[in-house]
Amino acid sequence: MMHALEITVQHCPEVLERLLRVTRHRGFTVTQMQVRINDDASMAVDLWVEAERAIELLSTQLDKLIDVTHCKVLSAIPLNKVANG
């Protein structure tokens, strides 16, 4: 399944590394990532991942990170739909 996550984090140098490390350790592959700085100096990270595992395994762990203020699962698309177009 392909999953889209919307994550809001505090703006600090190591936060992206932490997000990617947790994602890798939970068995998800990052397919796309978009980062932007918000007006309040926080960062918004849109993360697209793929795996056959339940997305809750990742989203609950990301939510526990100290720099993460918000983590929301936006969508899920079966991998066969992605492969077939």
PDB file of N, CA and C in Angstrom:
ATOM      1  N   MET A   1       0.837  -1.187   0.000  1.00  0.00           N
ATOM      2  CA  MET A   1       0.000   0.000   0.000  1.00  0.00           C
ATOM      3  C   MET A   1       0.883   1.251   0.000  1.00  0.00           C
ATOM      4  N   MET A   2       0.415   2.245  -0.693  1.00  0.00           N
ATOM      5  CA  MET A   2       1.031   3.571  -0.660  1.00  0.00           C
ATOM      6  C   MET A   2       0.237   4.390   0.341  1.00  0.00           C
ATOM      7  N   HIS A   3       0.940   5.115   1.197  1.00  0.00           N
ATOM      8  CA  HIS A   3       0.292   5.941   2.208  1.00  0.00           C
ATOM      9  C   HIS A   3       0.860   7.353   2.146  1.00  0.00           C
ATOM     10  N   ALA A   4       0.013   8.322   2.408  1.00  0.00           N
ATOM     11  CA  ALA A   4       0.440   9.717   2.501  1.00  0.00           C
ATOM     12  C   ALA A   4       0.265  10.174   3.939  1.00  0.00           C
ATOM     13  N   LEU A   5       1.290  10.801   4.471  1.00  0.00           N
ATOM     14  CA  LEU A   5       1.266  11.323   5.834  1.00  0.00           C
ATOM     15  C   LEU A   5       1.525  12.816   5.807  1.00  0.00           C
ATOM     16  N   GLU A   6       0.827  13.528   6.664  1.00  0.00           N
ATOM     17  CA  GLU A   6       1.054  14.960   6.849  1.00  0.00           C
ATOM     18  C   GLU A   6       1.591  15.128   8.263  1.00  0.00           C
ATOM     19  N   ILE A   7       2.824  15.615   8.376  1.00  0.00           N
ATOM     20  CA  ILE A   7       3.497  15.687   9.664  1.00  0.00           C
ATOM     21  C   ILE A   7       3.938  17.124   9.909  1.00  0.00           C
ATOM     22  N   THR A   8       3.661  17.627  11.102  1.00  0.00           N
ATOM     23  CA  THR A   8       4.135  18.951  11.506  1.00  0.00           C
ATOM     24  C   THR A   8       5.174  18.742  12.594  1.00  0.00           C
ATOM     25  N   VAL A   9       6.341  19.374  12.404  1.00  0.00           N
ATOM     26  CA  VAL A   9       7.444  19.188  13.336  1.00  0.00           C
ATOM     27  C   VAL A   9       8.039  20.538  13.723  1.00  0.00           C
ATOM     28  N   GLN A  10       8.766  20.532  14.842  1.00  0.00           N
ATOM     29  CA  GLN A  10       9.521  21.707  15.226  1.00  0.00           C
ATOM     30  C   GLN A  10      10.714  21.821  14.283  1.00  0.00           C
ATOM     31  N   HIS A  11      11.081  23.047  13.961  1.00  0.00           N
ATOM     32  CA  HIS A  11      12.179  23.265  13.026  1.00  0.00           C
ATOM     33  C   HIS A  11      13.505  23.133  13.769  1.00  0.00           C
ATOM     34  N   CYS A  12      14.174  21.985  13.586  1.00  0.00           N
ATOM     35  CA  CYS A  12      15.495  21.767  14.152  1.00  0.00           C
ATOM     36  C   CYS A  12      16.283  20.893  13.175  1.00  0.00           C
ATOM     37  N   PRO A  13      17.609  20.954  13.221  1.00  0.00           N
ATOM     38  CA  PRO A  13      18.431  20.306  12.200  1.00  0.00           C
ATOM     39  C   PRO A  13      18.256  18.789  12.095  1.00  0.00           C
ATOM     40  N   GLU A  14      18.022  18.111  13.199  1.00  0.00           N
ATOM     41  CA  GLU A  14      18.010  16.652  13.183  1.00  0.00           C
ATOM     42  C   GLU A  14      16.633  16.028  12.975  1.00  0.00           C
ATOM     43  N   VAL A  15      15.593  16.811  12.855  1.00  0.00           N
ATOM     44  CA  VAL A  15      14.237  16.260  12.822  1.00  0.00           C
ATOM     45  C   VAL A  15      13.974  15.380  11.588  1.00  0.00           C
ATOM     46  N   LEU A  16      14.464  15.764  10.433  1.00  0.00           N
ATOM     47  CA  LEU A  16      14.244  14.956   9.230  1.00  0.00           C
ATOM     48  C   LEU A  16      14.961  13.614   9.329  1.00  0.00           C
ATOM     49  N   GLU A  17      16.149  13.627   9.895  1.00  0.00           N
ATOM     50  CA  GLU A  17      16.886  12.381  10.084  1.00  0.00           C
ATOM     51  C   GLU A  17      16.111  11.434  11.005  1.00  0.00           C
ATOM     52  N   ARG A  18      15.526  11.966  12.069  1.00  0.00           N
ATOM     53  CA  ARG A  18      14.731  11.135  12.986  1.00  0.00           C
ATOM     54  C   ARG A  18      13.511  10.548  12.289  1.00  0.00           C
ATOM     55  N   LEU A  19      12.816  11.359  11.513  1.00  0.00           N
ATOM     56  CA  LEU A  19      11.642  10.870  10.784  1.00  0.00           C
ATOM     57  C   LEU A  19      12.018   9.724   9.843  1.00  0.00           C
ATOM     58  N   LEU A  20      13.093   9.911   9.095  1.00  0.00           N
ATOM     59  CA  LEU A  20      13.505   8.894   8.129  1.00  0.00           C
ATOM     60  C   LEU A  20      14.018   7.630   8.815  1.00  0.00           C
ATOM     61  N   ARG A  21      14.693   7.781   9.940  1.00  0.00           N
ATOM     62  CA  ARG A  21      15.188   6.617  10.664  1.00  0.00           C
ATOM     63  C   ARG A  21      14.039   5.766  11.191  1.00  0.00           C
ATOM     64  N   VAL A  22      13.033   6.397  11.790  1.00  0.00           N
ATOM     65  CA  VAL A  22      11.868   5.660  12.296  1.00  0.00           C
ATOM     66  C   VAL A  22      11.126   4.988  11.147  1.00  0.00           C
ATOM     67  N   THR A  23      10.994   5.692  10.033  1.00  0.00           N
ATOM     68  CA  THR A  23      10.320   5.134   8.855  1.00  0.00           C
ATOM     69  C   THR A  23      11.039   3.869   8.368  1.00  0.00           C
ATOM     70  N   ARG A  24      12.340   3.921   8.270  1.00  0.00           N
ATOM     71  CA  ARG A  24      13.129   2.772   7.819  1.00  0.00           C
ATOM     72  C   ARG A  24      13.044   1.620   8.810  1.00  0.00           C
ATOM     73  N   HIS A  25      13.169   1.922  10.112  1.00  0.00           N
ATOM     74  CA  HIS A  25      13.122   0.871  11.136  1.00  0.00           C
ATOM     75  C   HIS A  25      11.764   0.179  11.200  1.00  0.00           C
ATOM     76  N   ARG A  26      10.710   0.855  10.806  1.00  0.00           N
ATOM     77  CA  ARG A  26       9.375   0.255  10.823  1.00  0.00           C
ATOM     78  C   ARG A  26       9.065  -0.495   9.523  1.00  0.00           C
ATOM     79  N   GLY A  27      10.004  -0.520   8.573  1.00  0.00           N
ATOM     80  CA  GLY A  27       9.833  -1.317   7.360  1.00  0.00           C
ATOM     81  C   GLY A  27       9.101  -0.620   6.231  1.00  0.00           C
ATOM     82  N   PHE A  28       9.089   0.709   6.233  1.00  0.00           N
ATOM     83  CA  PHE A  28       8.438   1.476   5.174  1.00  0.00           C
ATOM     84  C   PHE A  28       9.486   2.086   4.259  1.00  0.00           C
ATOM     85  N   THR A  29       9.152   2.215   2.982  1.00  0.00           N
ATOM     86  CA  THR A  29      10.032   2.829   1.999  1.00  0.00           C
ATOM     87  C   THR A  29       9.474   4.196   1.628  1.00  0.00           C
ATOM     88  N   VAL A  30      10.302   5.215   1.745  1.00  0.00           N
ATOM     89  CA  VAL A  30       9.892   6.573   1.363  1.00  0.00           C
ATOM     90  C   VAL A  30       9.931   6.672  -0.151  1.00  0.00           C
ATOM     91  N   THR A  31       8.814   7.064  -0.745  1.00  0.00           N
ATOM     92  CA  THR A  31       8.761   7.232  -2.194  1.00  0.00           C
ATOM     93  C   THR A  31       8.785   8.703  -2.601  1.00  0.00           C
ATOM     94  N   GLN A  32       8.344   9.567  -1.692  1.00  0.00           N
ATOM     95  CA  GLN A  32       8.348  10.998  -1.987  1.00  0.00           C
ATOM     96  C   GLN A  32       8.274  11.756  -0.669  1.00  0.00           C
ATOM     97  N   MET A  33       8.939  12.929  -0.636  1.00  0.00           N
ATOM     98  CA  MET A  33       8.905  13.753   0.565  1.00  0.00           C
ATOM     99  C   MET A  33       8.942  15.220   0.149  1.00  0.00           C
ATOM    100  N   GLN A  34       8.100  16.008   0.778  1.00  0.00           N
ATOM    101  CA  GLN A  34       8.075  17.449   0.515  1.00  0.00           C
ATOM    102  C   GLN A  34       8.118  18.159   1.859  1.00  0.00           C
ATOM    103  N   VAL A  35       9.012  19.146   1.980  1.00  0.00           N
ATOM    104  CA  VAL A  35       9.190  19.863   3.238  1.00  0.00           C
ATOM    105  C   VAL A  35       9.042  21.356   2.979  1.00  0.00           C
ATOM    106  N   ARG A  36       8.333  22.029   3.877  1.00  0.00           N
ATOM    107  CA  ARG A  36       8.216  23.485   3.775  1.00  0.00           C
ATOM    108  C   ARG A  36       8.167  24.084   5.185  1.00  0.00           C
ATOM    109  N   ILE A  37       8.633  25.308   5.308  1.00  0.00           N
ATOM    110  CA  ILE A  37       8.619  25.998   6.594  1.00  0.00           C
ATOM    111  C   ILE A  37       7.351  26.832   6.682  1.00  0.00           C
ATOM    112  N   ASN A  38       6.632  26.668   7.785  1.00  0.00           N
ATOM    113  CA  ASN A  38       5.387  27.396   8.015  1.00  0.00           C
ATOM    114  C   ASN A  38       5.676  28.787   8.571  1.00  0.00           C
ATOM    115  N   ASP A  39       4.657  29.620   8.615  1.00  0.00           N
ATOM    116  CA  ASP A  39       4.787  30.984   9.134  1.00  0.00           C
ATOM    117  C   ASP A  39       5.191  31.021  10.600  1.00  0.00           C
ATOM    118  N   ASP A  40       4.796  29.994  11.364  1.00  0.00           N
ATOM    119  CA  ASP A  40       5.116  29.961  12.795  1.00  0.00           C
ATOM    120  C   ASP A  40       6.459  29.285  13.083  1.00  0.00           C
ATOM    121  N   ALA A  41       7.301  29.134  12.069  1.00  0.00           N
ATOM    122  CA  ALA A  41       8.645  28.548  12.157  1.00  0.00           C
ATOM    123  C   ALA A  41       8.641  27.037  12.370  1.00  0.00           C
ATOM    124  N   SER A  42       7.484  26.413  12.324  1.00  0.00           N
ATOM    125  CA  SER A  42       7.448  24.956  12.330  1.00  0.00           C
ATOM    126  C   SER A  42       7.661  24.478  10.898  1.00  0.00           C
ATOM    127  N   MET A  43       7.824  23.175  10.717  1.00  0.00           N
ATOM    128  CA  MET A  43       7.999  22.622   9.379  1.00  0.00           C
ATOM    129  C   MET A  43       6.860  21.662   9.084  1.00  0.00           C
ATOM    130  N   ALA A  44       6.381  21.700   7.857  1.00  0.00           N
ATOM    131  CA  ALA A  44       5.365  20.758   7.396  1.00  0.00           C
ATOM    132  C   ALA A  44       6.054  19.754   6.482  1.00  0.00           C
ATOM    133  N   VAL A  45       5.874  18.474   6.790  1.00  0.00           N
ATOM    134  CA  VAL A  45       6.492  17.408   6.001  1.00  0.00           C
ATOM    135  C   VAL A  45       5.376  16.545   5.432  1.00  0.00           C
ATOM    136  N   ASP A  46       5.311  16.471   4.114  1.00  0.00           N
ATOM    137  CA  ASP A  46       4.393  15.549   3.445  1.00  0.00           C
ATOM    138  C   ASP A  46       5.227  14.350   3.033  1.00  0.00           C
ATOM    139  N   LEU A  47       4.860  13.189   3.529  1.00  0.00           N
ATOM    140  CA  LEU A  47       5.658  11.980   3.345  1.00  0.00           C
ATOM    141  C   LEU A  47       4.806  10.904   2.699  1.00  0.00           C
ATOM    142  N   TRP A  48       5.277  10.363   1.567  1.00  0.00           N
ATOM    143  CA  TRP A  48       4.604   9.259   0.906  1.00  0.00           C
ATOM    144  C   TRP A  48       5.466   8.025   1.118  1.00  0.00           C
ATOM    145  N   VAL A  49       4.861   6.976   1.649  1.00  0.00           N
ATOM    146  CA  VAL A  49       5.591   5.742   1.940  1.00  0.00           C
ATOM    147  C   VAL A  49       4.847   4.560   1.349  1.00  0.00           C
ATOM    148  N   GLU A  50       5.579   3.452   1.183  1.00  0.00           N
ATOM    149  CA  GLU A  50       4.915   2.237   0.723  1.00  0.00           C
ATOM    150  C   GLU A  50       5.390   1.056   1.548  1.00  0.00           C
ATOM    151  N   ALA A  51       4.462   0.141   1.811  1.00  0.00           N
ATOM    152  CA  ALA A  51       4.733  -1.113   2.522  1.00  0.00           C
ATOM    153  C   ALA A  51       3.434  -1.894   2.598  1.00  0.00           C
ATOM    154  N   GLU A  52       3.555  -3.166   2.858  1.00  0.00           N
ATOM    155  CA  GLU A  52       2.372  -4.009   3.060  1.00  0.00           C
ATOM    156  C   GLU A  52       1.946  -4.001   4.528  1.00  0.00           C
ATOM    157  N   ARG A  53       2.679  -3.307   5.363  1.00  0.00           N
ATOM    158  CA  ARG A  53       2.390  -3.241   6.785  1.00  0.00           C
ATOM    159  C   ARG A  53       1.313  -2.187   7.061  1.00  0.00           C
ATOM    160  N   ALA A  54       0.700  -2.288   8.237  1.00  0.00           N
ATOM    161  CA  ALA A  54      -0.316  -1.309   8.642  1.00  0.00           C
ATOM    162  C   ALA A  54       0.349   0.040   8.895  1.00  0.00           C
ATOM    163  N   ILE A  55      -0.231   1.102   8.376  1.00  0.00           N
ATOM    164  CA  ILE A  55       0.342   2.437   8.503  1.00  0.00           C
ATOM    165  C   ILE A  55       0.375   2.902   9.957  1.00  0.00           C
ATOM    166  N   GLU A  56      -0.504   2.348  10.791  1.00  0.00           N
ATOM    167  CA  GLU A  56      -0.526   2.717  12.210  1.00  0.00           C
ATOM    168  C   GLU A  56       0.786   2.348  12.913  1.00  0.00           C
ATOM    169  N   LEU A  57       1.481   1.319  12.405  1.00  0.00           N
ATOM    170  CA  LEU A  57       2.784   0.961  12.967  1.00  0.00           C
ATOM    171  C   LEU A  57       3.773   2.113  12.838  1.00  0.00           C
ATOM    172  N   LEU A  58       3.644   2.878  11.787  1.00  0.00           N
ATOM    173  CA  LEU A  58       4.522   4.022  11.570  1.00  0.00           C
ATOM    174  C   LEU A  58       3.972   5.291  12.206  1.00  0.00           C
ATOM    175  N   SER A  59       2.702   5.587  11.972  1.00  0.00           N
ATOM    176  CA  SER A  59       2.156   6.871  12.434  1.00  0.00           C
ATOM    177  C   SER A  59       2.201   7.004  13.958  1.00  0.00           C
ATOM    178  N   THR A  60       1.946   5.928  14.688  1.00  0.00           N
ATOM    179  CA  THR A  60       2.009   6.021  16.162  1.00  0.00           C
ATOM    180  C   THR A  60       3.431   6.251  16.644  1.00  0.00           C
ATOM    181  N   GLN A  61       4.407   5.654  15.972  1.00  0.00           N
ATOM    182  CA  GLN A  61       5.800   5.867  16.365  1.00  0.00           C
ATOM    183  C   GLN A  61       6.269   7.279  16.026  1.00  0.00           C
ATOM    184  N   LEU A  62       5.857   7.798  14.874  1.00  0.00           N
ATOM    185  CA  LEU A  62       6.219   9.168  14.514  1.00  0.00           C
ATOM    186  C   LEU A  62       5.602  10.160  15.494  1.00  0.00           C
ATOM    187  N   ASP A  63       4.374   9.896  15.906  1.00  0.00           N
ATOM    188  CA  ASP A  63       3.688  10.776  16.852  1.00  0.00           C
ATOM    189  C   ASP A  63       4.402  10.843  18.197  1.00  0.00           C
ATOM    190  N   LYS A  64       5.147   9.804  18.548  1.00  0.00           N
ATOM    191  CA  LYS A  64       5.859   9.758  19.827  1.00  0.00           C
ATOM    192  C   LYS A  64       7.170  10.542  19.813  1.00  0.00           C
ATOM    193  N   LEU A  65       7.669  10.889  18.631  1.00  0.00           N
ATOM    194  CA  LEU A  65       8.918  11.645  18.560  1.00  0.00           C
ATOM    195  C   LEU A  65       8.741  13.014  19.199  1.00  0.00           C
ATOM    196  N   ILE A  66       9.749  13.456  19.916  1.00  0.00           N
ATOM    197  CA  ILE A  66       9.649  14.698  20.694  1.00  0.00           C
ATOM    198  C   ILE A  66       9.427  15.934  19.815  1.00  0.00           C
ATOM    199  N   ASP A  67       9.976  15.944  18.610  1.00  0.00           N
ATOM    200  CA  ASP A  67       9.858  17.119  17.736  1.00  0.00           C
ATOM    201  C   ASP A  67       8.591  17.126  16.894  1.00  0.00           C
ATOM    202  N   VAL A  68       7.826  16.038  16.909  1.00  0.00           N
ATOM    203  CA  VAL A  68       6.604  15.950  16.111  1.00  0.00           C
ATOM    204  C   VAL A  68       5.436  16.522  16.908  1.00  0.00           C
ATOM    205  N   THR A  69       4.752  17.500  16.317  1.00  0.00           N
ATOM    206  CA  THR A  69       3.588  18.092  16.983  1.00  0.00           C
ATOM    207  C   THR A  69       2.266  17.580  16.421  1.00  0.00           C
ATOM    208  N   HIS A  70       2.312  17.001  15.201  1.00  0.00           N
ATOM    209  CA  HIS A  70       1.086  16.515  14.565  1.00  0.00           C
ATOM    210  C   HIS A  70       1.460  15.492  13.497  1.00  0.00           C
ATOM    211  N   CYS A  71       0.733  14.389  13.456  1.00  0.00           N
ATOM    212  CA  CYS A  71       0.945  13.373  12.424  1.00  0.00           C
ATOM    213  C   CYS A  71      -0.423  12.845  12.002  1.00  0.00           C
ATOM    214  N   LYS A  72      -0.732  12.989  10.723  1.00  0.00           N
ATOM    215  CA  LYS A  72      -2.043  12.598  10.217  1.00  0.00           C
ATOM    216  C   LYS A  72      -1.866  11.737   8.971  1.00  0.00           C
ATOM    217  N   VAL A  73      -2.559  10.609   8.930  1.00  0.00           N
ATOM    218  CA  VAL A  73      -2.562   9.747   7.740  1.00  0.00           C
ATOM    219  C   VAL A  73      -3.616  10.288   6.787  1.00  0.00           C
ATOM    220  N   LEU A  74      -3.216  10.600   5.558  1.00  0.00           N
ATOM    221  CA  LEU A  74      -4.139  11.209   4.605  1.00  0.00           C
ATOM    222  C   LEU A  74      -4.832  10.192   3.704  1.00  0.00           C
ATOM    223  N   SER A  75      -4.075   9.213   3.176  1.00  0.00           N
ATOM    224  CA  SER A  75      -4.705   8.291   2.237  1.00  0.00           C
ATOM    225  C   SER A  75      -3.917   6.996   2.134  1.00  0.00           C
ATOM    226  N   ALA A  76      -4.571   5.986   1.561  1.00  0.00           N
ATOM    227  CA  ALA A  76      -3.929   4.706   1.285  1.00  0.00           C
ATOM    228  C   ALA A  76      -4.358   4.249  -0.101  1.00  0.00           C
ATOM    229  N   ILE A  77      -3.390   3.799  -0.895  1.00  0.00           N
ATOM    230  CA  ILE A  77      -3.659   3.312  -2.249  1.00  0.00           C
ATOM    231  C   ILE A  77      -3.010   1.942  -2.369  1.00  0.00           C
ATOM    232  N   PRO A  78      -3.766   0.914  -2.781  1.00  0.00           N
ATOM    233  CA  PRO A  78      -3.149  -0.403  -2.967  1.00  0.00           C
ATOM    234  C   PRO A  78      -2.037  -0.358  -3.998  1.00  0.00           C
ATOM    235  N   LEU A  79      -0.970  -1.128  -3.776  1.00  0.00           N
ATOM    236  CA  LEU A  79       0.175  -1.112  -4.695  1.00  0.00           C
ATOM    237  C   LEU A  79      -0.198  -1.567  -6.097  1.00  0.00           C
ATOM    238  N   ASN A  80      -1.151  -2.495  -6.233  1.00  0.00           N
ATOM    239  CA  ASN A  80      -1.539  -2.935  -7.582  1.00  0.00           C
ATOM    240  C   ASN A  80      -2.198  -1.815  -8.378  1.00  0.00           C
ATOM    241  N   LYS A  81      -2.867  -0.882  -7.706  1.00  0.00           N
ATOM    242  CA  LYS A  81      -3.449   0.281  -8.394  1.00  0.00           C
ATOM    243  C   LYS A  81      -2.346   1.217  -8.883  1.00  0.00           C
ATOM    244  N   VAL A  82      -1.281   1.366  -8.083  1.00  0.00           N
ATOM    245  CA  VAL A  82      -0.169   2.223  -8.464  1.00  0.00           C
ATOM    246  C   VAL A  82       0.557   1.624  -9.657  1.00  0.00           C
ATOM    247  N   ALA A  83       0.790   0.312  -9.628  1.00  0.00           N
ATOM    248  CA  ALA A  83       1.513  -0.361 -10.720  1.00  0.00           C
ATOM    249  C   ALA A  83       0.725  -0.355 -12.025  1.00  0.00           C
ATOM    250  N   ASN A  84      -0.601  -0.471 -11.935  1.00  0.00           N
ATOM    251  CA  ASN A  84      -1.435  -0.514 -13.137  1.00  0.00           C
ATOM    252  C   ASN A  84      -1.811   0.872 -13.648  1.00  0.00           C
ATOM    253  N   GLY A  85      -1.552   1.904 -12.862  1.00  0.00           N
ATOM    254  CA  GLY A  85      -1.853   3.254 -13.300  1.00  0.00           C
ATOM    255  C   GLY A  85      -3.181   3.636 -12.833  1.00  0.00           C
TER     256      GLY A  85
END
